[in-house]
N, C-alpha and C. Protein backbone atom coordinates (compact mmCIF):
# COMPACT_ATOMS: atom_id res chain seq x y z
N UNK A 1 11.92 -30.27 -6.21
CA UNK A 1 10.84 -29.42 -6.62
C UNK A 1 9.87 -29.18 -5.48
N UNK A 2 9.70 -30.19 -4.68
CA UNK A 2 8.81 -30.06 -3.54
C UNK A 2 9.30 -28.97 -2.58
N UNK A 3 10.62 -28.91 -2.38
CA UNK A 3 11.18 -27.87 -1.50
C UNK A 3 10.88 -26.49 -2.05
N UNK A 4 11.00 -26.34 -3.35
CA UNK A 4 10.72 -25.04 -3.98
C UNK A 4 9.25 -24.68 -3.81
N UNK A 5 8.37 -25.64 -4.01
CA UNK A 5 6.93 -25.38 -3.84
C UNK A 5 6.61 -24.95 -2.41
N UNK A 6 7.20 -25.66 -1.45
CA UNK A 6 6.96 -25.32 -0.04
C UNK A 6 7.49 -23.94 0.30
N UNK A 7 8.67 -23.61 -0.21
CA UNK A 7 9.27 -22.30 0.06
C UNK A 7 8.42 -21.19 -0.57
N UNK A 8 7.93 -21.43 -1.76
CA UNK A 8 7.07 -20.43 -2.43
C UNK A 8 5.77 -20.25 -1.67
N UNK A 9 5.20 -21.35 -1.19
CA UNK A 9 3.96 -21.25 -0.42
C UNK A 9 4.18 -20.45 0.86
N UNK A 10 5.28 -20.71 1.55
CA UNK A 10 5.58 -19.97 2.78
C UNK A 10 5.76 -18.49 2.49
N UNK A 11 6.47 -18.17 1.42
CA UNK A 11 6.67 -16.76 1.07
C UNK A 11 5.37 -16.11 0.65
N UNK A 12 4.55 -16.84 -0.10
CA UNK A 12 3.26 -16.30 -0.53
C UNK A 12 2.36 -16.05 0.67
N UNK A 13 2.31 -16.98 1.61
CA UNK A 13 1.49 -16.81 2.81
C UNK A 13 1.96 -15.62 3.64
N UNK A 14 3.27 -15.42 3.71
CA UNK A 14 3.82 -14.33 4.52
C UNK A 14 3.66 -12.97 3.86
N UNK A 15 3.66 -12.95 2.53
CA UNK A 15 3.65 -11.66 1.83
C UNK A 15 2.28 -11.05 1.69
N UNK A 16 1.25 -11.86 1.72
CA UNK A 16 -0.09 -11.32 1.51
C UNK A 16 -0.28 -10.91 0.06
N UNK A 17 -1.14 -9.92 -0.18
CA UNK A 17 -1.46 -9.56 -1.56
C UNK A 17 -0.30 -8.85 -2.30
N UNK A 18 0.59 -8.22 -1.57
CA UNK A 18 1.70 -7.48 -2.20
C UNK A 18 2.93 -8.37 -2.30
N UNK A 19 3.01 -9.16 -3.35
CA UNK A 19 4.12 -10.11 -3.52
C UNK A 19 5.37 -9.37 -3.98
N UNK A 20 6.49 -9.63 -3.31
CA UNK A 20 7.75 -9.03 -3.77
C UNK A 20 8.17 -9.61 -5.12
N UNK A 21 8.99 -8.86 -5.85
CA UNK A 21 9.44 -9.30 -7.17
C UNK A 21 10.15 -10.64 -7.11
N UNK A 22 10.87 -10.90 -6.03
CA UNK A 22 11.60 -12.16 -5.91
C UNK A 22 10.64 -13.35 -5.82
N UNK A 23 9.46 -13.14 -5.28
CA UNK A 23 8.47 -14.22 -5.23
C UNK A 23 7.90 -14.50 -6.61
N UNK A 24 7.65 -13.47 -7.36
CA UNK A 24 7.16 -13.64 -8.72
C UNK A 24 8.21 -14.36 -9.56
N UNK A 25 9.47 -13.99 -9.36
CA UNK A 25 10.56 -14.65 -10.07
C UNK A 25 10.66 -16.13 -9.66
N UNK A 26 10.48 -16.40 -8.37
CA UNK A 26 10.52 -17.79 -7.89
C UNK A 26 9.43 -18.63 -8.55
N UNK A 27 8.24 -18.07 -8.65
CA UNK A 27 7.14 -18.80 -9.28
C UNK A 27 7.42 -19.05 -10.76
N UNK A 28 8.02 -18.08 -11.41
CA UNK A 28 8.38 -18.23 -12.82
C UNK A 28 9.43 -19.33 -12.99
N UNK A 29 10.43 -19.34 -12.12
CA UNK A 29 11.47 -20.37 -12.17
C UNK A 29 10.88 -21.76 -11.91
N UNK A 30 9.94 -21.85 -10.98
CA UNK A 30 9.32 -23.14 -10.70
C UNK A 30 8.52 -23.62 -11.91
N UNK A 31 7.80 -22.72 -12.55
CA UNK A 31 7.06 -23.09 -13.77
C UNK A 31 8.01 -23.59 -14.84
N UNK A 32 9.14 -22.90 -14.98
CA UNK A 32 10.13 -23.33 -15.97
C UNK A 32 10.71 -24.69 -15.61
N UNK A 33 10.94 -24.91 -14.33
CA UNK A 33 11.45 -26.21 -13.88
C UNK A 33 10.46 -27.32 -14.21
N UNK A 34 9.19 -27.07 -13.97
CA UNK A 34 8.17 -28.06 -14.27
C UNK A 34 8.10 -28.34 -15.78
N UNK A 35 8.22 -27.28 -16.59
CA UNK A 35 8.24 -27.48 -18.04
C UNK A 35 9.44 -28.31 -18.46
N UNK A 36 10.60 -28.00 -17.89
CA UNK A 36 11.81 -28.76 -18.22
C UNK A 36 11.70 -30.21 -17.79
N UNK A 37 11.06 -30.44 -16.68
CA UNK A 37 10.87 -31.81 -16.20
C UNK A 37 10.02 -32.60 -17.20
N UNK A 38 8.97 -31.98 -17.70
CA UNK A 38 8.13 -32.66 -18.69
C UNK A 38 8.90 -32.94 -19.98
N UNK A 39 9.86 -32.06 -20.30
CA UNK A 39 10.67 -32.25 -21.50
C UNK A 39 11.84 -33.20 -21.25
N UNK A 40 11.92 -33.73 -20.03
CA UNK A 40 13.00 -34.63 -19.61
C UNK A 40 14.36 -33.94 -19.60
N UNK A 41 14.36 -32.63 -19.43
CA UNK A 41 15.60 -31.86 -19.29
C UNK A 41 15.87 -31.77 -17.78
N UNK A 42 16.27 -32.89 -17.20
CA UNK A 42 16.34 -33.03 -15.75
C UNK A 42 17.37 -32.09 -15.10
N UNK A 43 18.51 -31.94 -15.72
CA UNK A 43 19.55 -31.09 -15.13
C UNK A 43 19.07 -29.64 -15.04
N UNK A 44 18.47 -29.13 -16.12
CA UNK A 44 17.97 -27.76 -16.11
C UNK A 44 16.78 -27.63 -15.17
N UNK A 45 15.94 -28.64 -15.10
CA UNK A 45 14.80 -28.60 -14.18
C UNK A 45 15.29 -28.49 -12.74
N UNK A 46 16.33 -29.24 -12.43
CA UNK A 46 16.89 -29.20 -11.07
C UNK A 46 17.47 -27.82 -10.77
N UNK A 47 18.21 -27.27 -11.73
CA UNK A 47 18.80 -25.93 -11.54
C UNK A 47 17.71 -24.89 -11.30
N UNK A 48 16.66 -24.94 -12.12
CA UNK A 48 15.57 -23.98 -11.98
C UNK A 48 14.83 -24.15 -10.65
N UNK A 49 14.63 -25.38 -10.22
CA UNK A 49 13.96 -25.63 -8.94
C UNK A 49 14.80 -25.10 -7.77
N UNK A 50 16.10 -25.30 -7.84
CA UNK A 50 16.98 -24.79 -6.78
C UNK A 50 16.97 -23.27 -6.79
N UNK A 51 17.01 -22.67 -7.97
CA UNK A 51 16.95 -21.21 -8.07
C UNK A 51 15.62 -20.68 -7.56
N UNK A 52 14.53 -21.40 -7.85
CA UNK A 52 13.20 -20.99 -7.37
C UNK A 52 13.16 -21.01 -5.85
N UNK A 53 13.72 -22.06 -5.26
CA UNK A 53 13.77 -22.15 -3.79
C UNK A 53 14.56 -20.98 -3.21
N UNK A 54 15.66 -20.63 -3.84
CA UNK A 54 16.47 -19.51 -3.37
C UNK A 54 15.73 -18.19 -3.45
N UNK A 55 15.05 -17.96 -4.56
CA UNK A 55 14.28 -16.72 -4.72
C UNK A 55 13.12 -16.66 -3.74
N UNK A 56 12.50 -17.80 -3.47
CA UNK A 56 11.41 -17.83 -2.49
C UNK A 56 11.93 -17.51 -1.10
N UNK A 57 13.11 -18.03 -0.77
CA UNK A 57 13.72 -17.73 0.52
C UNK A 57 14.04 -16.24 0.62
N UNK A 58 14.52 -15.68 -0.48
CA UNK A 58 14.81 -14.24 -0.53
C UNK A 58 13.52 -13.44 -0.32
N UNK A 59 12.44 -13.86 -0.96
CA UNK A 59 11.15 -13.18 -0.81
C UNK A 59 10.66 -13.26 0.63
N UNK A 60 10.79 -14.43 1.23
CA UNK A 60 10.36 -14.61 2.62
C UNK A 60 11.18 -13.73 3.55
N UNK A 61 12.47 -13.70 3.32
CA UNK A 61 13.36 -12.88 4.13
C UNK A 61 13.02 -11.39 4.01
N UNK A 62 12.75 -10.94 2.79
CA UNK A 62 12.42 -9.52 2.60
C UNK A 62 11.08 -9.19 3.23
N UNK A 63 10.14 -10.13 3.19
CA UNK A 63 8.84 -9.92 3.82
C UNK A 63 8.99 -9.80 5.33
N UNK A 64 9.81 -10.67 5.90
CA UNK A 64 10.04 -10.62 7.34
C UNK A 64 10.76 -9.35 7.75
N UNK A 65 11.68 -8.88 6.92
CA UNK A 65 12.41 -7.64 7.21
C UNK A 65 11.44 -6.47 7.23
N UNK A 66 10.54 -6.42 6.27
CA UNK A 66 9.53 -5.35 6.22
C UNK A 66 8.63 -5.44 7.44
N UNK A 67 8.21 -6.66 7.81
CA UNK A 67 7.37 -6.84 9.00
C UNK A 67 8.10 -6.38 10.26
N UNK A 68 9.39 -6.70 10.35
CA UNK A 68 10.17 -6.28 11.52
C UNK A 68 10.24 -4.76 11.61
N UNK A 69 10.43 -4.11 10.48
CA UNK A 69 10.50 -2.65 10.48
C UNK A 69 9.16 -2.02 10.85
N UNK A 70 8.08 -2.69 10.48
CA UNK A 70 6.75 -2.17 10.77
C UNK A 70 6.22 -2.61 12.13
N UNK A 71 6.98 -3.41 12.84
CA UNK A 71 6.58 -3.83 14.17
C UNK A 71 5.60 -4.98 14.19
N UNK A 72 5.42 -5.66 13.07
CA UNK A 72 4.50 -6.81 13.02
C UNK A 72 5.21 -8.03 13.59
N UNK A 73 4.43 -9.01 14.03
CA UNK A 73 5.03 -10.24 14.53
C UNK A 73 4.51 -11.44 13.82
């Protein structure tokens, strides 16, 4: 879960105010993972956390692609 949180933070910091849909989805998945953890549904919590990390990585990648196209560094 910590990896997902860190990935979401990195994507959020890189995206600024205009968050890509994949970042919003990552945050939703992380919230669901945390809910599942509280319910002791560990397997589903792990799946959701891994999915959240993946979506956050996708959001970060898309943010960097847009920055590259716009000439930002």
